[in-house]
Amino acid sequence: MNFANLPLWGVLAGVAALAGTLFLLQLLRVRHVEVAVPSTLFWRAAAREAPVRVLRGVFRHPLAYLLVLAICTLLWLAFAGPEAAEDRTATFRVLFLDGSAHVASGDDFQRAVDAVKTDLAGMPEGRREVIWGGARNLKLLKAGEDRLMLDRRLEALAAEAAPSALNEQLRLLALPGAAPDALEFVVYGRAPADAAVVDNLPPGFVVSRAIDYPEAPSNRGVVALGVNAAASGSWDRVDLLIRTAGTQASKPALVVEMDGQPLDDAHLEWLAEDVVVVRDLPADGATVQARIQTADGLPVDDTARLTLPVREVVRVALVGDPDPAIRRAIEADPGLEVATDNAAVVIRPGGSSAFAGLPALEFAAFEDQANAFELGYTGDDSAEHALRASIAALGLDQIDAAGLATDAKRPVGVELRHAELPAISIWNELLVSSNFTASRSFPLFVSRAARWLAGESTWLPYLAAGRPLPSTGAPGLLASTPDPLFDALGAEYVLGAAGTITAADGGTRAVALLSDPVTERHPGVPLAVSQVGGGLSGTGTLTWLILAALLMLGAEWFIYHRGLMP
C-alpha cells in the first residue's frame, strides 16, 4: 500500500502519536475535591484554584480506548491518501473509447463514456491508459494520471463522422516493444475489429469488449460519391457517381443538390437500385450534396458532400513558328486551345518579349542555360519540396532522360529558381531529338506544362474520411498535381472526419464519410466480454475508510447513550 499525501514513516508516526495521545486522555480523570469557604462570595475563586482534571495511574476501559483509536486511525489513513501498490507483473489495460460514427446513434456514445468512467475507478493508475478512437486516435489518459483529468478532456468530445481506427491502433500496439507483454485491450463502443488483425496479435494480447450493445437498427447511407471526366468529352463538365448501401432493402429516396439547389429527378440515371449517375455537371467548383430523405437509425451517413473541380480551358498563345509536335499536343488536349488574345500562357522562343506579362514556356539554346530544364517557381515551399512537386507535376519523371542525354551529348538536369512569374525554359535542341518529341510523354509534358504555368488547382475524384487521398493519376486527371497541403513527407495523407478542409490555394474541399462498415453496421469479429472493473484502489479505498469511520462513530454514539461507555 502506498500513500499519496504522506510517506509510510509519516503514516506510522501519526498512528503512534494518536495512540499515545488517546492513552493519555484515557488516564485523564475528573477530580472531585471538597473545599470549605467562609462565604459563598468566594466559591468562584476556590473553583479556579482547584484542578479540574488529573492524570490517574490506573488504566480503565480498554475497549473504549480501542474503539476511539480505530476511528482516529481510519480517519488518519484516509487523510494520508491510500493507493494500491502497483503490481508491475499485472496485466496492463488499454481502454479504447470509440468516438467514431459507429456510436453516433442513440445513446451508444454516452454508454461507452459512462462505462469507461466506471471501470477506471477499479484500476491501478499505473496499469491503465485511455485512448480516444475518433477521426484521430489520441491518448486521453496516460498511465499514472489521475482519472479526474478524463472528465475535463471529455467535455469537448463527441462521436465524430469518421470510420473507426480501431484496427490501426491494434496494429500499432502489436509492434515489437510498443506495449507490455501482458495486455488487455478493451473496446468501449461498436467499433468493429477485423479478424485478420486480431489473429495476428502476439501472445498475451487480449482484445475484449466492455458493452454488449443490442442489435443495431436498420440503416441506409451514402457510401460512394465521386466525379470523373465527363463521358461526353466536354472538358468543363464532369460525371457524378453515387452509391448507397445498408441494411434496408428498399430503394432510397435520394435528393441531389448543387449549392443548395435540388436537381430534377430526370437528371438522375439509376444504374441499379443503389447506384445513380448524374452526367455533365458543370465543373465550376460548386458543392454537390447527396441526401437520403428516409429516416433511419444512423443519420450521420444520410448526407455526403463533394466539392466539384474547376476545369477551364487554358488558352495558349504561340509565338513564331513552334515545332509541329507542340501544336499537335495542344490540339489533342480538349483542355487546351490556341489563342491570339486573352491567353493564359505563352509558348515562345527564348529571348522573345512577346506576351511579356504571361507565364511562358520558352526554348533556349544550349549556351544560354546550363540545365536542360529550368523552372521559375513562385510559391513559398522549400526548394526541395517545390522541385520534387514540380517534376511530378510536369511529368519530367516520365521522360527518357538517358536517351535525351545521349542525343544532346551532355547531362540532362533540372534547375528550380524563384521568379515573379511561373516559367519553364528548356533546350531548343531537345526538340530535334526523336527521343523527346516523338515519345508518348511529350504531349503529356506540353499539357502539364501549360496547366502548371496557368496555376490550375489540383482536383481529386473524391475525398473520404479515414481514407488516403486517391491517386492523382486517375483517368481524366492528366493535369492533376500534388497539393502541398496533402504532401506528408511522401507518406499517405489520411483525411479525418467528414466536413471541410482547406487546400493550398485557400479554397475549401468537402469531405464525406463514405464508409461501408459504418453504414452496414458491421459488427466485426466477435470479442470476449471484458472483466475489468470492480476492484478497490485509489479513491475506492478512501471511500471505504471514511464509511468505516462513520459506522464506528455511530456505534460509539449508540454505546455511549446506552450507558455502556464512559
Protein backbone atom coordinates (compact mmCIF):
# COMPACT_ATOMS: atom_id res chain seq x y z
CA MET A 1 0.00 0.00 0.00
CA ASN A 2 1.27 3.45 -0.94
CA PHE A 3 0.05 6.84 0.22
CA ALA A 4 -0.39 9.94 -1.89
CA ASN A 5 -0.08 12.61 0.83
CA LEU A 6 2.40 11.14 3.35
CA PRO A 7 5.35 8.76 3.32
CA LEU A 8 4.94 5.42 5.06
CA TRP A 9 7.02 6.51 8.06
CA GLY A 10 4.84 9.60 8.44
CA VAL A 11 1.70 7.46 8.47
CA LEU A 12 3.15 5.12 11.11
CA ALA A 13 4.37 8.04 13.21
CA GLY A 14 0.92 9.59 13.06
CA VAL A 15 -0.73 6.37 14.20
CA ALA A 16 1.74 6.11 17.10
CA ALA A 17 1.09 9.73 18.08
CA LEU A 18 -2.66 9.12 18.03
CA ALA A 19 -2.27 6.03 20.20
CA GLY A 20 -0.14 7.90 22.75
CA THR A 21 -2.39 10.93 22.87
CA LEU A 22 -5.53 8.85 23.30
CA PHE A 23 -3.77 6.81 26.00
CA LEU A 24 -3.00 9.97 27.98
CA LEU A 25 -6.53 11.23 27.52
CA GLN A 26 -7.80 7.87 28.79
CA LEU A 27 -5.82 8.40 32.02
CA LEU A 28 -7.19 11.92 32.46
CA ARG A 29 -9.98 11.91 35.06
CA VAL A 30 -12.23 14.46 36.74
CA ARG A 31 -11.02 15.22 40.31
CA HIS A 32 -13.68 15.77 42.97
CA VAL A 33 -12.36 18.00 45.82
CA GLU A 34 -14.33 19.45 48.74
CA VAL A 35 -13.20 22.95 49.71
CA ALA A 36 -14.60 24.89 52.68
CA VAL A 37 -15.10 28.59 52.03
CA PRO A 38 -16.14 31.20 54.59
CA SER A 39 -18.79 32.62 52.35
CA THR A 40 -20.44 31.86 49.02
CA LEU A 41 -18.83 35.02 47.72
CA PHE A 42 -15.53 33.13 47.45
CA TRP A 43 -16.66 29.94 45.65
CA ARG A 44 -15.59 31.18 42.18
CA ALA A 45 -12.02 31.82 43.35
CA ALA A 46 -11.90 28.42 45.01
CA ALA A 47 -13.11 26.71 41.81
CA ARG A 48 -10.39 28.40 39.78
CA GLU A 49 -7.66 27.29 42.17
CA ALA A 50 -8.77 23.65 42.39
CA PRO A 51 -7.54 21.39 39.47
CA VAL A 52 -10.46 20.08 37.39
CA ARG A 53 -8.75 17.02 35.85
CA VAL A 54 -5.78 14.99 36.92
CA LEU A 55 -3.90 12.03 35.46
CA ARG A 56 -4.54 8.79 37.27
CA GLY A 57 -2.26 5.83 37.24
CA VAL A 58 -4.95 3.23 36.66
CA PHE A 59 -5.85 2.45 33.00
CA ARG A 60 -9.53 1.72 32.61
CA HIS A 61 -11.95 0.93 29.75
CA PRO A 62 -9.53 -0.63 27.23
CA LEU A 63 -12.34 -1.49 24.79
CA ALA A 64 -13.49 2.12 24.65
CA TYR A 65 -9.88 3.14 24.07
CA LEU A 66 -9.50 0.70 21.19
CA LEU A 67 -12.75 1.88 19.57
CA VAL A 68 -11.70 5.53 19.63
CA LEU A 69 -8.21 4.61 18.42
CA ALA A 70 -9.69 2.66 15.50
CA ILE A 71 -11.87 5.61 14.48
CA CYS A 72 -8.98 8.07 14.59
CA THR A 73 -6.68 5.65 12.75
CA LEU A 74 -9.18 5.23 9.91
CA LEU A 75 -9.54 9.00 9.54
CA TRP A 76 -5.75 9.41 9.61
CA LEU A 77 -5.29 6.76 6.89
CA ALA A 78 -7.95 8.45 4.78
CA PHE A 79 -6.08 11.76 5.11
CA ALA A 80 -2.85 10.05 4.02
CA GLY A 81 -4.46 9.10 0.68
CA PRO A 82 -4.08 5.33 0.30
CA GLU A 83 -3.14 3.97 -3.11
CA ALA A 84 -2.88 0.36 -4.15
CA ALA A 85 0.71 -0.68 -4.76
CA GLU A 86 1.42 -1.10 -8.45
CA ASP A 87 1.97 -4.68 -9.45
CA ARG A 88 4.23 -4.50 -12.48
CA THR A 89 3.50 -8.13 -13.26
CA ALA A 90 -0.24 -7.42 -13.51
CA THR A 91 -1.98 -7.07 -16.86
CA PHE A 92 -1.75 -3.63 -18.43
CA ARG A 93 -5.10 -2.43 -19.76
CA VAL A 94 -5.77 -0.10 -22.68
CA LEU A 95 -9.30 1.29 -22.66
CA PHE A 96 -10.28 2.22 -26.23
CA LEU A 97 -13.16 4.72 -26.19
CA ASP A 98 -14.89 4.55 -29.56
CA GLY A 99 -15.63 8.06 -30.82
CA SER A 100 -16.34 7.14 -34.45
CA ALA A 101 -19.57 7.15 -36.44
CA HIS A 102 -20.24 3.62 -35.20
CA VAL A 103 -21.54 5.09 -31.90
CA ALA A 104 -23.29 8.14 -33.40
CA SER A 105 -26.71 6.53 -32.97
CA GLY A 106 -28.91 6.99 -29.90
CA ASP A 107 -27.09 6.81 -26.56
CA ASP A 108 -24.35 4.46 -27.75
CA PHE A 109 -21.59 7.00 -27.20
CA GLN A 110 -22.78 8.09 -23.75
CA ARG A 111 -22.99 4.46 -22.63
CA ALA A 112 -19.39 3.97 -23.70
CA VAL A 113 -18.26 7.08 -21.80
CA ASP A 114 -20.10 6.05 -18.63
CA ALA A 115 -18.63 2.55 -18.78
CA VAL A 116 -15.09 3.89 -19.12
CA LYS A 117 -15.51 6.18 -16.11
CA THR A 118 -16.95 3.37 -14.01
CA ASP A 119 -14.24 0.86 -14.86
CA LEU A 120 -11.43 3.36 -14.29
CA ALA A 121 -12.34 3.59 -10.60
CA GLY A 122 -11.31 -0.01 -10.08
CA MET A 123 -7.93 0.04 -11.83
CA PRO A 124 -4.43 0.91 -10.59
CA GLU A 125 -3.45 4.23 -12.17
CA GLY A 126 -0.09 2.94 -13.30
CA ARG A 127 -1.51 -0.06 -15.17
CA ARG A 128 -4.05 1.53 -17.47
CA GLU A 129 -4.49 4.20 -20.11
CA VAL A 130 -7.40 5.53 -22.19
CA ILE A 131 -7.25 6.05 -25.97
CA TRP A 132 -9.78 8.08 -27.95
CA GLY A 133 -10.78 6.37 -31.19
CA GLY A 134 -12.32 9.12 -33.32
CA ALA A 135 -11.07 10.70 -36.51
CA ARG A 136 -7.59 10.53 -34.98
CA ASN A 137 -6.50 8.14 -32.24
CA LEU A 138 -5.47 10.22 -29.22
CA LYS A 139 -4.29 9.27 -25.75
CA LEU A 140 -6.90 10.73 -23.41
CA LEU A 141 -5.39 9.49 -20.16
CA LYS A 142 -1.82 8.34 -19.67
CA ALA A 143 -0.72 5.69 -17.21
CA GLY A 144 -0.30 7.32 -13.79
CA GLU A 145 -2.59 10.30 -14.47
CA ASP A 146 -5.50 10.94 -12.14
CA ARG A 147 -8.77 9.77 -13.64
CA LEU A 148 -10.38 13.12 -12.84
CA MET A 149 -8.41 14.52 -15.77
CA LEU A 150 -10.51 12.39 -18.09
CA ASP A 151 -13.72 14.24 -17.24
CA ARG A 152 -12.25 17.57 -18.32
CA ARG A 153 -10.87 16.16 -21.55
CA LEU A 154 -14.15 14.52 -22.48
CA GLU A 155 -16.13 17.75 -22.19
CA ALA A 156 -15.40 18.86 -25.76
CA LEU A 157 -15.56 15.40 -27.35
CA ALA A 158 -18.46 13.70 -29.11
CA ALA A 159 -18.90 10.95 -31.67
CA GLU A 160 -17.37 12.07 -34.98
CA ALA A 161 -18.43 11.42 -38.57
CA ALA A 162 -15.44 9.19 -39.23
CA PRO A 163 -14.81 5.46 -39.60
CA SER A 164 -13.17 3.69 -36.70
CA ALA A 165 -9.38 3.47 -36.47
CA LEU A 166 -9.55 0.53 -34.07
CA ASN A 167 -7.66 -1.82 -36.37
CA GLU A 168 -4.89 0.73 -36.92
CA GLN A 169 -4.48 1.08 -33.14
CA LEU A 170 -4.31 -2.70 -32.71
CA ARG A 171 -1.65 -2.95 -35.41
CA LEU A 172 0.35 -0.21 -33.70
CA LEU A 173 0.25 -1.81 -30.26
CA ALA A 174 1.17 -5.17 -31.76
CA LEU A 175 4.52 -3.84 -32.97
CA PRO A 176 7.55 -5.16 -31.06
CA GLY A 177 8.17 -3.09 -27.93
CA ALA A 178 5.06 -0.94 -28.36
CA ALA A 179 3.16 -2.47 -25.42
CA PRO A 180 3.76 -4.70 -22.37
CA ASP A 181 3.84 -8.45 -22.87
CA ALA A 182 0.60 -8.94 -20.91
CA LEU A 183 -2.02 -6.51 -22.23
CA GLU A 184 -5.80 -6.41 -22.33
CA PHE A 185 -7.26 -4.09 -24.95
CA VAL A 186 -10.84 -3.21 -24.00
CA VAL A 187 -13.16 -1.69 -26.63
CA TYR A 188 -15.89 0.66 -25.38
CA GLY A 189 -18.25 1.10 -28.32
CA ARG A 190 -19.34 -0.60 -31.54
CA ALA A 191 -16.05 -0.22 -33.46
CA PRO A 192 -15.51 -3.47 -35.42
CA ALA A 193 -12.25 -5.39 -35.25
CA ASP A 194 -11.03 -7.29 -38.30
CA ALA A 195 -10.43 -11.00 -37.82
CA ALA A 196 -7.10 -10.79 -39.67
CA VAL A 197 -5.86 -8.09 -37.27
CA VAL A 198 -6.97 -9.93 -34.13
CA ASP A 199 -5.48 -13.23 -35.33
CA ASN A 200 -2.08 -11.61 -35.86
CA LEU A 201 -1.81 -10.18 -32.35
CA PRO A 202 1.08 -11.53 -30.25
CA PRO A 203 0.57 -13.98 -27.36
CA GLY A 204 -0.55 -12.29 -24.16
CA PHE A 205 -2.51 -9.65 -26.10
CA VAL A 206 -6.24 -9.99 -25.32
CA VAL A 207 -8.93 -7.94 -27.07
CA SER A 208 -12.30 -7.68 -25.32
CA ARG A 209 -15.46 -5.59 -25.50
CA ALA A 210 -16.92 -3.89 -22.43
CA ILE A 211 -20.52 -3.27 -23.56
CA ASP A 212 -22.96 -5.77 -25.02
CA TYR A 213 -24.98 -3.48 -27.28
CA PRO A 214 -28.31 -4.62 -28.71
CA GLU A 215 -28.56 -5.25 -32.44
CA ALA A 216 -28.14 -2.03 -34.41
CA PRO A 217 -31.30 -0.62 -36.04
CA SER A 218 -31.75 -0.77 -39.81
CA ASN A 219 -29.88 1.83 -41.79
CA ARG A 220 -29.06 3.06 -45.29
CA GLY A 221 -26.46 5.67 -46.20
CA VAL A 222 -24.24 7.07 -48.93
CA VAL A 223 -21.05 5.02 -49.28
CA ALA A 224 -19.65 6.41 -52.57
CA LEU A 225 -19.65 9.92 -54.01
CA GLY A 226 -17.13 10.84 -56.70
CA VAL A 227 -16.58 12.51 -60.05
CA ASN A 228 -14.63 11.84 -63.21
CA ALA A 229 -14.18 13.48 -66.57
CA ALA A 230 -17.47 13.64 -68.46
CA ALA A 231 -18.09 10.70 -70.79
CA SER A 232 -19.46 13.21 -73.29
CA GLY A 233 -15.95 14.59 -73.79
CA SER A 234 -16.80 18.10 -72.59
CA TRP A 235 -13.75 19.40 -70.79
CA ASP A 236 -15.65 21.72 -68.45
CA ARG A 237 -18.10 19.00 -67.39
CA VAL A 238 -17.86 16.04 -65.01
CA ASP A 239 -19.96 12.96 -64.28
CA LEU A 240 -21.03 12.27 -60.70
CA LEU A 241 -21.49 8.75 -59.30
CA ILE A 242 -23.42 7.99 -56.10
CA ARG A 243 -23.77 4.61 -54.41
CA THR A 244 -25.80 3.76 -51.34
CA ALA A 245 -25.71 0.70 -49.10
CA GLY A 246 -27.11 -0.55 -45.83
CA THR A 247 -29.43 -2.99 -44.16
CA GLN A 248 -32.62 -1.51 -45.65
CA ALA A 249 -33.53 -3.35 -48.84
CA SER A 250 -35.77 -0.69 -50.36
CA LYS A 251 -34.59 1.81 -52.97
CA PRO A 252 -33.58 5.04 -51.22
CA ALA A 253 -35.34 8.35 -51.70
CA LEU A 254 -32.29 10.28 -52.92
CA VAL A 255 -32.01 14.04 -53.40
CA VAL A 256 -29.01 15.61 -55.16
CA GLU A 257 -28.33 19.31 -54.65
CA MET A 258 -25.83 21.74 -56.17
CA ASP A 259 -25.04 24.69 -53.92
CA GLY A 260 -28.32 24.08 -52.12
CA GLN A 261 -30.48 23.81 -55.25
CA PRO A 262 -32.04 20.36 -55.81
CA LEU A 263 -31.61 18.74 -59.22
CA ASP A 264 -34.61 17.44 -61.09
CA ASP A 265 -35.11 13.67 -60.83
CA ALA A 266 -34.75 13.49 -64.60
CA HIS A 267 -31.02 14.19 -64.19
CA LEU A 268 -30.58 11.06 -62.05
CA GLU A 269 -29.67 7.99 -64.10
CA TRP A 270 -30.19 4.88 -61.98
CA LEU A 271 -27.82 2.10 -63.00
CA ALA A 272 -29.07 -0.15 -60.17
CA GLU A 273 -31.18 0.16 -57.04
CA ASP A 274 -28.19 1.52 -55.17
CA VAL A 275 -26.15 3.25 -57.91
CA VAL A 276 -27.02 6.51 -59.65
CA VAL A 277 -25.08 8.71 -62.10
CA VAL A 278 -25.55 12.40 -62.78
CA ARG A 279 -23.92 13.34 -66.09
CA ASP A 280 -22.41 16.55 -67.42
CA LEU A 281 -22.39 18.62 -64.27
CA PRO A 282 -20.56 21.93 -64.72
CA ALA A 283 -17.03 21.76 -63.30
CA ASP A 284 -17.25 25.16 -61.63
CA GLY A 285 -16.26 24.39 -58.03
CA ALA A 286 -19.82 24.04 -56.74
CA THR A 287 -20.62 21.81 -53.77
CA VAL A 288 -22.74 18.75 -54.52
CA GLN A 289 -24.75 17.12 -51.76
CA ALA A 290 -26.37 13.69 -51.94
CA ARG A 291 -29.01 13.17 -49.25
CA ILE A 292 -31.22 10.22 -48.35
CA GLN A 293 -34.58 11.52 -47.20
CA THR A 294 -35.77 8.35 -45.45
CA ALA A 295 -35.09 8.47 -41.71
CA ASP A 296 -33.14 5.58 -40.20
CA GLY A 297 -31.12 4.57 -37.16
CA LEU A 298 -27.90 6.36 -38.16
CA PRO A 299 -28.41 9.89 -39.56
CA VAL A 300 -24.69 10.67 -39.83
CA ASP A 301 -24.29 8.79 -43.15
CA ASP A 302 -27.50 10.01 -44.79
CA THR A 303 -25.72 13.02 -46.30
CA ALA A 304 -22.49 13.25 -48.27
CA ARG A 305 -20.90 16.33 -49.83
CA LEU A 306 -18.30 16.80 -52.55
CA THR A 307 -16.65 19.90 -53.98
CA LEU A 308 -16.65 19.74 -57.78
CA PRO A 309 -13.39 20.60 -59.55
CA VAL A 310 -12.85 23.75 -61.54
CA ARG A 311 -11.97 22.76 -65.11
CA GLU A 312 -11.38 25.62 -67.52
CA VAL A 313 -9.88 25.53 -70.98
CA VAL A 314 -6.38 27.02 -70.89
CA ARG A 315 -5.79 29.45 -73.76
CA VAL A 316 -2.22 29.18 -75.12
CA ALA A 317 -0.55 31.83 -77.27
CA LEU A 318 2.05 30.57 -79.78
CA VAL A 319 4.83 32.95 -80.81
CA GLY A 320 6.71 32.40 -84.05
CA ASP A 321 6.64 29.03 -85.77
CA PRO A 322 6.85 26.43 -82.99
CA ASP A 323 7.62 22.79 -83.60
CA PRO A 324 4.62 20.96 -85.13
CA ALA A 325 4.69 18.48 -82.25
CA ILE A 326 3.78 21.32 -79.87
CA ARG A 327 0.72 22.35 -81.90
CA ARG A 328 -0.39 18.73 -82.25
CA ALA A 329 -0.12 18.25 -78.49
CA ILE A 330 -2.27 21.33 -77.84
CA GLU A 331 -4.90 20.36 -80.40
CA ALA A 332 -5.11 16.82 -78.98
CA ASP A 333 -5.89 18.09 -75.49
CA PRO A 334 -9.53 19.20 -75.06
CA GLY A 335 -8.47 21.37 -72.14
CA LEU A 336 -6.07 23.48 -74.24
CA GLU A 337 -6.70 25.77 -77.18
CA VAL A 338 -4.52 28.02 -79.30
CA ALA A 339 -5.41 31.69 -78.81
CA THR A 340 -4.22 35.04 -80.08
CA ASP A 341 -5.93 37.11 -77.37
CA ASN A 342 -6.93 36.59 -73.74
CA ALA A 343 -4.25 33.93 -73.46
CA ALA A 344 -3.33 32.47 -70.07
CA VAL A 345 0.16 31.19 -71.03
CA VAL A 346 2.55 31.64 -73.92
CA ILE A 347 4.95 29.33 -75.76
CA ARG A 348 7.77 31.27 -77.40
CA PRO A 349 11.44 31.14 -78.38
CA GLY A 350 13.98 32.06 -75.76
CA GLY A 351 14.75 35.78 -75.60
CA SER A 352 11.38 36.81 -77.08
CA SER A 353 9.45 39.54 -75.26
CA ALA A 354 6.06 38.73 -76.80
CA PHE A 355 3.28 38.42 -74.22
CA ALA A 356 5.77 39.54 -71.61
CA GLY A 357 3.22 39.57 -68.77
CA LEU A 358 2.25 35.91 -69.13
CA PRO A 359 3.76 32.72 -67.73
CA ALA A 360 5.90 31.30 -70.51
CA LEU A 361 7.27 28.04 -71.88
CA GLU A 362 10.46 29.01 -73.71
CA PHE A 363 13.00 27.14 -75.81
CA ALA A 364 16.56 28.40 -75.38
CA ALA A 365 19.90 27.41 -76.89
CA PHE A 366 22.49 25.23 -75.15
CA GLU A 367 24.76 28.15 -74.50
CA ASP A 368 22.02 30.26 -72.87
CA GLN A 369 21.30 27.95 -69.93
CA ALA A 370 23.25 25.32 -68.06
CA ASN A 371 20.48 22.77 -67.46
CA ALA A 372 18.08 21.16 -69.88
CA PHE A 373 15.06 22.26 -67.83
CA GLU A 374 14.93 25.49 -65.82
CA LEU A 375 11.78 26.17 -63.82
CA GLY A 376 10.69 29.54 -62.48
CA TYR A 377 8.73 28.95 -59.28
CA THR A 378 6.58 31.50 -57.41
CA GLY A 379 5.44 29.54 -54.34
CA ASP A 380 6.57 29.64 -50.72
CA ASP A 381 7.55 26.00 -50.27
CA SER A 382 11.11 24.89 -49.68
CA ALA A 383 13.26 24.45 -52.77
CA GLU A 384 13.50 20.69 -52.26
CA HIS A 385 9.76 20.22 -51.90
CA ALA A 386 8.98 22.57 -54.79
CA LEU A 387 11.45 20.81 -57.08
CA ARG A 388 10.05 17.38 -56.27
CA ALA A 389 6.45 18.54 -56.73
CA SER A 390 7.23 20.40 -59.97
CA ILE A 391 8.99 17.41 -61.54
CA ALA A 392 5.98 15.21 -60.75
CA ALA A 393 3.51 17.85 -61.93
CA LEU A 394 5.27 18.33 -65.28
CA GLY A 395 5.78 14.63 -65.88
CA LEU A 396 9.55 15.04 -66.13
CA ASP A 397 9.94 11.80 -64.19
CA GLN A 398 8.35 10.03 -67.17
CA ILE A 399 10.79 11.14 -69.88
CA ASP A 400 13.76 9.16 -71.15
CA ALA A 401 16.45 11.31 -69.55
CA ALA A 402 19.23 8.89 -70.51
CA GLY A 403 18.18 8.95 -74.17
CA LEU A 404 17.99 12.74 -74.17
CA ALA A 405 21.44 12.98 -72.62
CA THR A 406 22.82 10.67 -75.30
CA ASP A 407 21.32 12.75 -78.11
CA ALA A 408 22.42 16.03 -76.54
CA LYS A 409 25.87 14.65 -75.67
CA ARG A 410 25.64 16.28 -72.26
CA PRO A 411 23.93 15.61 -68.92
CA VAL A 412 20.25 16.45 -68.68
CA GLY A 413 19.32 18.20 -65.42
CA VAL A 414 16.55 20.24 -63.81
CA GLU A 415 17.04 23.56 -62.01
CA LEU A 416 14.49 25.42 -59.92
CA ARG A 417 14.65 29.14 -59.19
CA HIS A 418 12.26 31.67 -57.72
CA ALA A 419 10.69 34.06 -60.21
CA GLU A 420 8.00 36.72 -60.41
CA LEU A 421 6.00 34.63 -62.89
CA PRO A 422 5.90 30.87 -63.43
CA ALA A 423 8.26 29.95 -66.25
CA ILE A 424 9.73 26.89 -67.97
CA SER A 425 12.79 27.07 -70.19
CA ILE A 426 14.18 24.02 -71.99
CA TRP A 427 16.91 23.45 -74.53
CA ASN A 428 15.69 24.16 -78.01
CA GLU A 429 17.93 21.36 -79.26
CA LEU A 430 15.76 18.80 -77.46
CA LEU A 431 13.00 19.45 -80.00
CA VAL A 432 15.07 17.78 -82.71
CA SER A 433 15.52 14.67 -80.59
CA SER A 434 13.16 11.88 -81.56
CA ASN A 435 13.52 10.57 -78.02
CA PHE A 436 11.57 13.60 -76.79
CA THR A 437 9.10 14.99 -79.36
CA ALA A 438 8.25 11.55 -80.76
CA SER A 439 7.79 9.96 -77.36
CA ARG A 440 4.44 9.36 -75.70
CA SER A 441 5.49 11.57 -72.81
CA PHE A 442 5.87 14.74 -74.94
CA PRO A 443 2.13 15.51 -75.30
CA LEU A 444 1.78 14.88 -71.58
CA PHE A 445 4.63 17.29 -70.89
CA VAL A 446 3.07 20.04 -73.03
CA SER A 447 -0.33 19.51 -71.40
CA ARG A 448 1.01 19.56 -67.88
CA ALA A 449 3.38 22.45 -68.59
CA ALA A 450 0.51 24.64 -69.81
CA ARG A 451 -1.58 23.87 -66.73
CA TRP A 452 1.37 24.23 -64.36
CA LEU A 453 2.06 27.66 -65.82
CA ALA A 454 -1.63 28.61 -65.62
CA GLY A 455 -1.74 27.61 -61.95
CA GLU A 456 -4.56 25.11 -62.37
CA SER A 457 -5.68 23.77 -59.00
CA THR A 458 -5.47 20.14 -58.03
CA TRP A 459 -8.71 18.20 -58.07
CA LEU A 460 -9.44 14.74 -56.83
CA PRO A 461 -12.30 12.39 -57.74
CA TYR A 462 -13.44 12.07 -54.11
CA LEU A 463 -12.47 12.90 -50.54
CA ALA A 464 -13.48 10.32 -47.93
CA ALA A 465 -12.92 10.39 -44.18
CA GLY A 466 -10.44 7.84 -42.90
CA ARG A 467 -9.02 7.05 -46.35
CA PRO A 468 -5.80 8.09 -48.08
CA LEU A 469 -6.10 10.57 -50.92
CA PRO A 470 -6.95 8.93 -54.24
CA SER A 471 -4.21 8.73 -56.84
CA THR A 472 -3.81 11.88 -58.91
CA GLY A 473 -3.13 9.67 -61.89
CA ALA A 474 -6.76 8.61 -62.15
CA PRO A 475 -8.39 8.71 -65.61
CA GLY A 476 -9.22 12.20 -66.73
CA LEU A 477 -6.74 13.81 -64.34
CA LEU A 478 -3.82 14.42 -66.69
CA ALA A 479 -3.26 17.86 -65.25
CA SER A 480 -3.55 16.95 -61.59
CA THR A 481 -0.56 17.94 -59.47
CA PRO A 482 0.30 17.10 -55.86
CA ASP A 483 -1.21 19.61 -53.45
CA PRO A 484 1.39 20.73 -50.86
CA LEU A 485 -1.31 20.55 -48.19
CA PHE A 486 -1.55 16.81 -48.68
CA ASP A 487 2.14 16.01 -49.08
CA ALA A 488 3.07 14.44 -45.73
CA LEU A 489 6.76 13.86 -46.42
CA GLY A 490 5.90 11.28 -49.03
CA ALA A 491 3.54 9.36 -46.73
CA GLU A 492 -0.12 8.76 -47.42
CA TYR A 493 -2.26 11.62 -46.17
CA VAL A 494 -5.34 10.18 -44.44
CA LEU A 495 -8.28 12.53 -44.04
CA GLY A 496 -10.01 12.87 -40.67
CA ALA A 497 -13.72 13.29 -40.07
CA ALA A 498 -16.31 14.35 -42.61
CA GLY A 499 -16.58 18.11 -43.01
CA THR A 500 -14.32 20.53 -44.85
CA ILE A 501 -10.60 21.05 -45.26
CA THR A 502 -8.61 23.98 -46.59
CA ALA A 503 -6.44 23.35 -49.63
CA ALA A 504 -3.18 25.08 -50.50
CA ASP A 505 -4.98 27.51 -52.82
CA GLY A 506 -7.08 28.79 -49.90
CA GLY A 507 -10.27 27.12 -51.07
CA THR A 508 -12.27 24.60 -49.09
CA ARG A 509 -12.94 21.00 -50.06
CA ALA A 510 -15.83 18.91 -48.75
CA VAL A 511 -15.01 15.57 -47.13
CA ALA A 512 -17.68 12.84 -46.90
CA LEU A 513 -17.97 9.84 -44.57
CA LEU A 514 -18.38 7.12 -47.27
CA SER A 515 -17.82 4.07 -45.06
CA ASP A 516 -19.33 0.67 -45.85
CA PRO A 517 -18.58 -0.77 -42.36
CA VAL A 518 -20.33 2.17 -40.68
CA THR A 519 -23.36 2.20 -42.95
CA GLU A 520 -23.82 -1.58 -42.96
CA ARG A 521 -23.34 -1.64 -39.15
CA HIS A 522 -20.62 -4.25 -39.48
CA PRO A 523 -20.06 -5.88 -36.04
CA GLY A 524 -16.57 -7.19 -36.82
CA VAL A 525 -15.11 -10.34 -35.31
CA PRO A 526 -16.77 -11.39 -32.01
CA LEU A 527 -14.70 -10.31 -29.00
CA ALA A 528 -14.56 -11.68 -25.47
CA VAL A 529 -16.55 -9.96 -22.73
CA SER A 530 -14.34 -7.68 -20.66
CA GLN A 531 -13.83 -8.46 -16.97
CA VAL A 532 -12.32 -5.11 -15.95
CA GLY A 533 -13.59 -3.00 -13.07
CA GLY A 534 -14.86 -3.97 -9.65
CA GLY A 535 -11.59 -3.67 -7.69
CA LEU A 536 -10.74 -1.43 -4.77
CA SER A 537 -7.95 1.08 -5.29
CA GLY A 538 -7.27 4.80 -5.10
CA THR A 539 -10.41 6.73 -4.26
CA GLY A 540 -12.37 3.50 -3.71
CA THR A 541 -10.19 2.60 -0.72
CA LEU A 542 -10.52 6.14 0.62
CA THR A 543 -14.30 5.91 0.43
CA TRP A 544 -14.40 2.66 2.35
CA LEU A 545 -12.12 4.07 5.07
CA ILE A 546 -14.39 7.05 5.62
CA LEU A 547 -17.50 4.87 5.62
CA ALA A 548 -15.95 2.56 8.21
CA ALA A 549 -15.05 5.53 10.42
CA LEU A 550 -18.61 6.88 10.19
CA LEU A 551 -20.05 3.49 11.11
CA MET A 552 -17.79 3.29 14.16
CA LEU A 553 -18.77 6.81 15.20
CA GLY A 554 -22.40 5.78 15.00
CA ALA A 555 -21.67 2.70 17.08
CA GLU A 556 -19.84 4.83 19.68
CA TRP A 557 -22.78 7.22 19.92
CA PHE A 558 -25.17 4.32 20.41
CA ILE A 559 -22.99 2.67 23.08
CA TYR A 560 -22.49 5.94 24.93
CA HIS A 561 -26.18 6.75 25.08
CA ARG A 562 -26.94 3.25 26.30
CA GLY A 563 -24.59 3.91 29.20
CA LEU A 564 -22.18 1.19 28.17
CA MET A 565 -19.30 3.59 27.61
CA PRO A 566 -17.98 6.35 29.90
